[in-house]
Amino acid sequence: AVLCDSTSNNQQCSNRRLGIVLERLQRPQQQCRRHHQGLLKERRAGE
């Protein structure tokens, strides 16, 4: 039973990840660029 539960949970997780990726792809490019620049700034600040 535990194995069945864990596999179904993994399936749900991968489905959720796919949904997030699809959402990102559907977003306008500008938002993606802004988000990417924000990540770069955070990395530089962290160094």
PDB file of N, CA and C in Angstrom:
ATOM      1  N   ALA A   1       0.845  -1.210   0.000  1.00  0.00           N
ATOM      2  CA  ALA A   1       0.000   0.000   0.000  1.00  0.00           C
ATOM      3  C   ALA A   1       0.878   1.257   0.000  1.00  0.00           C
ATOM      4  N   VAL A   2       1.955   1.232   0.783  1.00  0.00           N
ATOM      5  CA  VAL A   2       2.847   2.393   0.862  1.00  0.00           C
ATOM      6  C   VAL A   2       3.468   2.665  -0.503  1.00  0.00           C
ATOM      7  N   LEU A   3       3.898   1.609  -1.198  1.00  0.00           N
ATOM      8  CA  LEU A   3       4.504   1.779  -2.519  1.00  0.00           C
ATOM      9  C   LEU A   3       3.512   2.416  -3.480  1.00  0.00           C
ATOM     10  N   CYS A   4       2.270   1.937  -3.468  1.00  0.00           N
ATOM     11  CA  CYS A   4       1.244   2.500  -4.350  1.00  0.00           C
ATOM     12  C   CYS A   4       1.057   3.988  -4.044  1.00  0.00           C
ATOM     13  N   ASP A   5       0.993   4.308  -2.764  1.00  0.00           N
ATOM     14  CA  ASP A   5       0.791   5.702  -2.370  1.00  0.00           C
ATOM     15  C   ASP A   5       1.942   6.573  -2.871  1.00  0.00           C
ATOM     16  N   SER A   6       3.164   6.096  -2.680  1.00  0.00           N
ATOM     17  CA  SER A   6       4.316   6.921  -3.054  1.00  0.00           C
ATOM     18  C   SER A   6       4.361   7.117  -4.567  1.00  0.00           C
ATOM     19  N   THR A   7       4.022   6.080  -5.339  1.00  0.00           N
ATOM     20  CA  THR A   7       4.069   6.232  -6.797  1.00  0.00           C
ATOM     21  C   THR A   7       2.996   7.200  -7.264  1.00  0.00           C
ATOM     22  N   SER A   8       1.819   7.117  -6.684  1.00  0.00           N
ATOM     23  CA  SER A   8       0.755   8.044  -7.095  1.00  0.00           C
ATOM     24  C   SER A   8       1.129   9.467  -6.692  1.00  0.00           C
ATOM     25  N   ASN A   9       1.777   9.620  -5.535  1.00  0.00           N
ATOM     26  CA  ASN A   9       2.229  10.950  -5.113  1.00  0.00           C
ATOM     27  C   ASN A   9       3.276  11.488  -6.080  1.00  0.00           C
ATOM     28  N   ASN A  10       4.202  10.619  -6.492  1.00  0.00           N
ATOM     29  CA  ASN A  10       5.227  11.048  -7.449  1.00  0.00           C
ATOM     30  C   ASN A  10       4.580  11.488  -8.755  1.00  0.00           C
ATOM     31  N   GLN A  11       3.560  10.740  -9.187  1.00  0.00           N
ATOM     32  CA  GLN A  11       2.869  11.098 -10.431  1.00  0.00           C
ATOM     33  C   GLN A  11       2.243  12.477 -10.281  1.00  0.00           C
ATOM     34  N   GLN A  12       1.596  12.732  -9.148  1.00  0.00           N
ATOM     35  CA  GLN A  12       0.975  14.038  -8.909  1.00  0.00           C
ATOM     36  C   GLN A  12       2.033  15.132  -8.925  1.00  0.00           C
ATOM     37  N   CYS A  13       3.175  14.867  -8.314  1.00  0.00           N
ATOM     38  CA  CYS A  13       4.250  15.865  -8.264  1.00  0.00           C
ATOM     39  C   CYS A  13       4.735  16.197  -9.665  1.00  0.00           C
ATOM     40  N   SER A  14       4.967  15.158 -10.490  1.00  0.00           N
ATOM     41  CA  SER A  14       5.470  15.406 -11.844  1.00  0.00           C
ATOM     42  C   SER A  14       4.412  16.129 -12.663  1.00  0.00           C
ATOM     43  N   ASN A  15       3.138  15.792 -12.458  1.00  0.00           N
ATOM     44  CA  ASN A  15       2.066  16.492 -13.164  1.00  0.00           C
ATOM     45  C   ASN A  15       2.056  17.960 -12.774  1.00  0.00           C
ATOM     46  N   ARG A  16       2.248  18.227 -11.497  1.00  0.00           N
ATOM     47  CA  ARG A  16       2.258  19.607 -11.015  1.00  0.00           C
ATOM     48  C   ARG A  16       3.432  20.362 -11.638  1.00  0.00           C
ATOM     49  N   ARG A  17       4.592  19.703 -11.675  1.00  0.00           N
ATOM     50  CA  ARG A  17       5.778  20.340 -12.267  1.00  0.00           C
ATOM     51  C   ARG A  17       5.528  20.658 -13.731  1.00  0.00           C
ATOM     52  N   LEU A  18       4.936  19.702 -14.456  1.00  0.00           N
ATOM     53  CA  LEU A  18       4.623  19.933 -15.870  1.00  0.00           C
ATOM     54  C   LEU A  18       3.705  21.133 -16.009  1.00  0.00           C
ATOM     55  N   GLY A  19       2.693  21.218 -15.151  1.00  0.00           N
ATOM     56  CA  GLY A  19       1.765  22.341 -15.205  1.00  0.00           C
ATOM     57  C   GLY A  19       2.483  23.660 -14.983  1.00  0.00           C
ATOM     58  N   ILE A  20       3.420  23.678 -14.027  1.00  0.00           N
ATOM     59  CA  ILE A  20       4.175  24.906 -13.741  1.00  0.00           C
ATOM     60  C   ILE A  20       5.005  25.295 -14.958  1.00  0.00           C
ATOM     61  N   VAL A  21       5.647  24.306 -15.589  1.00  0.00           N
ATOM     62  CA  VAL A  21       6.472  24.579 -16.776  1.00  0.00           C
ATOM     63  C   VAL A  21       5.599  25.142 -17.887  1.00  0.00           C
ATOM     64  N   LEU A  22       4.425  24.531 -18.094  1.00  0.00           N
ATOM     65  CA  LEU A  22       3.525  25.007 -19.150  1.00  0.00           C
ATOM     66  C   LEU A  22       3.085  26.430 -18.860  1.00  0.00           C
ATOM     67  N   GLU A  23       2.785  26.722 -17.598  1.00  0.00           N
ATOM     68  CA  GLU A  23       2.375  28.086 -17.228  1.00  0.00           C
ATOM     69  C   GLU A  23       3.483  29.073 -17.570  1.00  0.00           C
ATOM     70  N   ARG A  24       4.729  28.701 -17.259  1.00  0.00           N
ATOM     71  CA  ARG A  24       5.864  29.587 -17.540  1.00  0.00           C
ATOM     72  C   ARG A  24       5.992  29.827 -19.039  1.00  0.00           C
ATOM     73  N   LEU A  25       5.799  28.755 -19.828  1.00  0.00           N
ATOM     74  CA  LEU A  25       5.934  28.892 -21.280  1.00  0.00           C
ATOM     75  C   LEU A  25       4.862  29.820 -21.835  1.00  0.00           C
ATOM     76  N   GLN A  26       3.684  29.813 -21.203  1.00  0.00           N
ATOM     77  CA  GLN A  26       2.577  30.620 -21.706  1.00  0.00           C
ATOM     78  C   GLN A  26       2.714  32.085 -21.300  1.00  0.00           C
ATOM     79  N   ARG A  27       3.532  32.361 -20.304  1.00  0.00           N
ATOM     80  CA  ARG A  27       3.700  33.750 -19.858  1.00  0.00           C
ATOM     81  C   ARG A  27       4.432  34.565 -20.916  1.00  0.00           C
ATOM     82  N   PRO A  28       4.197  35.869 -20.953  1.00  0.00           N
ATOM     83  CA  PRO A  28       4.933  36.725 -21.887  1.00  0.00           C
ATOM     84  C   PRO A  28       6.428  36.713 -21.592  1.00  0.00           C
ATOM     85  N   GLN A  29       7.224  36.898 -22.658  1.00  0.00           N
ATOM     86  CA  GLN A  29       8.685  36.822 -22.513  1.00  0.00           C
ATOM     87  C   GLN A  29       9.206  37.879 -21.549  1.00  0.00           C
ATOM     88  N   GLN A  30       8.626  39.070 -21.568  1.00  0.00           N
ATOM     89  CA  GLN A  30       9.111  40.157 -20.701  1.00  0.00           C
ATOM     90  C   GLN A  30       9.150  39.715 -19.249  1.00  0.00           C
ATOM     91  N   GLN A  31       8.062  39.089 -18.788  1.00  0.00           N
ATOM     92  CA  GLN A  31       8.020  38.651 -17.393  1.00  0.00           C
ATOM     93  C   GLN A  31       9.151  37.677 -17.110  1.00  0.00           C
ATOM     94  N   CYS A  32       9.382  36.768 -18.066  1.00  0.00           N
ATOM     95  CA  CYS A  32      10.450  35.786 -17.877  1.00  0.00           C
ATOM     96  C   CYS A  32      11.793  36.492 -17.744  1.00  0.00           C
ATOM     97  N   ARG A  33      12.029  37.480 -18.615  1.00  0.00           N
ATOM     98  CA  ARG A  33      13.310  38.199 -18.573  1.00  0.00           C
ATOM     99  C   ARG A  33      13.465  38.924 -17.248  1.00  0.00           C
ATOM    100  N   ARG A  34      12.391  39.570 -16.810  1.00  0.00           N
ATOM    101  CA  ARG A  34      12.446  40.294 -15.526  1.00  0.00           C
ATOM    102  C   ARG A  34      12.789  39.327 -14.408  1.00  0.00           C
ATOM    103  N   HIS A  35      12.116  38.169 -14.423  1.00  0.00           N
ATOM    104  CA  HIS A  35      12.338  37.167 -13.389  1.00  0.00           C
ATOM    105  C   HIS A  35      13.796  36.699 -13.429  1.00  0.00           C
ATOM    106  N   HIS A  36      14.311  36.468 -14.646  1.00  0.00           N
ATOM    107  CA  HIS A  36      15.690  35.999 -14.796  1.00  0.00           C
ATOM    108  C   HIS A  36      16.666  37.044 -14.270  1.00  0.00           C
ATOM    109  N   GLN A  37      16.438  38.302 -14.607  1.00  0.00           N
ATOM    110  CA  GLN A  37      17.309  39.380 -14.120  1.00  0.00           C
ATOM    111  C   GLN A  37      17.271  39.434 -12.600  1.00  0.00           C
ATOM    112  N   GLY A  38      16.090  39.247 -12.025  1.00  0.00           N
ATOM    113  CA  GLY A  38      15.965  39.239 -10.568  1.00  0.00           C
ATOM    114  C   GLY A  38      16.803  38.127  -9.958  1.00  0.00           C
ATOM    115  N   LEU A  39      16.776  36.945 -10.592  1.00  0.00           N
ATOM    116  CA  LEU A  39      17.573  35.830 -10.090  1.00  0.00           C
ATOM    117  C   LEU A  39      19.061  36.163 -10.157  1.00  0.00           C
ATOM    118  N   LEU A  40      19.489  36.766 -11.267  1.00  0.00           N
ATOM    119  CA  LEU A  40      20.904  37.127 -11.408  1.00  0.00           C
ATOM    120  C   LEU A  40      21.312  38.116 -10.326  1.00  0.00           C
ATOM    121  N   LYS A  41      20.462  39.106 -10.069  1.00  0.00           N
ATOM    122  CA  LYS A  41      20.769  40.105  -9.033  1.00  0.00           C
ATOM    123  C   LYS A  41      20.898  39.427  -7.675  1.00  0.00           C
ATOM    124  N   GLU A  42      19.968  38.498  -7.388  1.00  0.00           N
ATOM    125  CA  GLU A  42      20.015  37.796  -6.106  1.00  0.00           C
ATOM    126  C   GLU A  42      21.319  37.017  -5.978  1.00  0.00           C
ATOM    127  N   ARG A  43      21.726  36.379  -7.080  1.00  0.00           N
ATOM    128  CA  ARG A  43      22.964  35.594  -7.038  1.00  0.00           C
ATOM    129  C   ARG A  43      24.154  36.499  -6.759  1.00  0.00           C
ATOM    130  N   ARG A  44      24.213  37.627  -7.441  1.00  0.00           N
ATOM    131  CA  ARG A  44      25.329  38.557  -7.241  1.00  0.00           C
ATOM    132  C   ARG A  44      25.342  39.065  -5.804  1.00  0.00           C
ATOM    133  N   ALA A  45      24.154  39.352  -5.277  1.00  0.00           N
ATOM    134  CA  ALA A  45      24.072  39.853  -3.901  1.00  0.00           C
ATOM    135  C   ALA A  45      24.525  38.767  -2.923  1.00  0.00           C
ATOM    136  N   GLY A  46      24.240  37.499  -3.262  1.00  0.00           N
ATOM    137  CA  GLY A  46      24.596  36.399  -2.367  1.00  0.00           C
ATOM    138  C   GLY A  46      26.085  36.112  -2.354  1.00  0.00           C
ATOM    139  N   GLU A  47      26.786  36.498  -3.435  1.00  0.00           N
ATOM    140  CA  GLU A  47      28.217  36.187  -3.514  1.00  0.00           C
ATOM    141  C   GLU A  47      29.057  37.089  -2.620  1.00  0.00           C
TER     142      GLU A  47
END
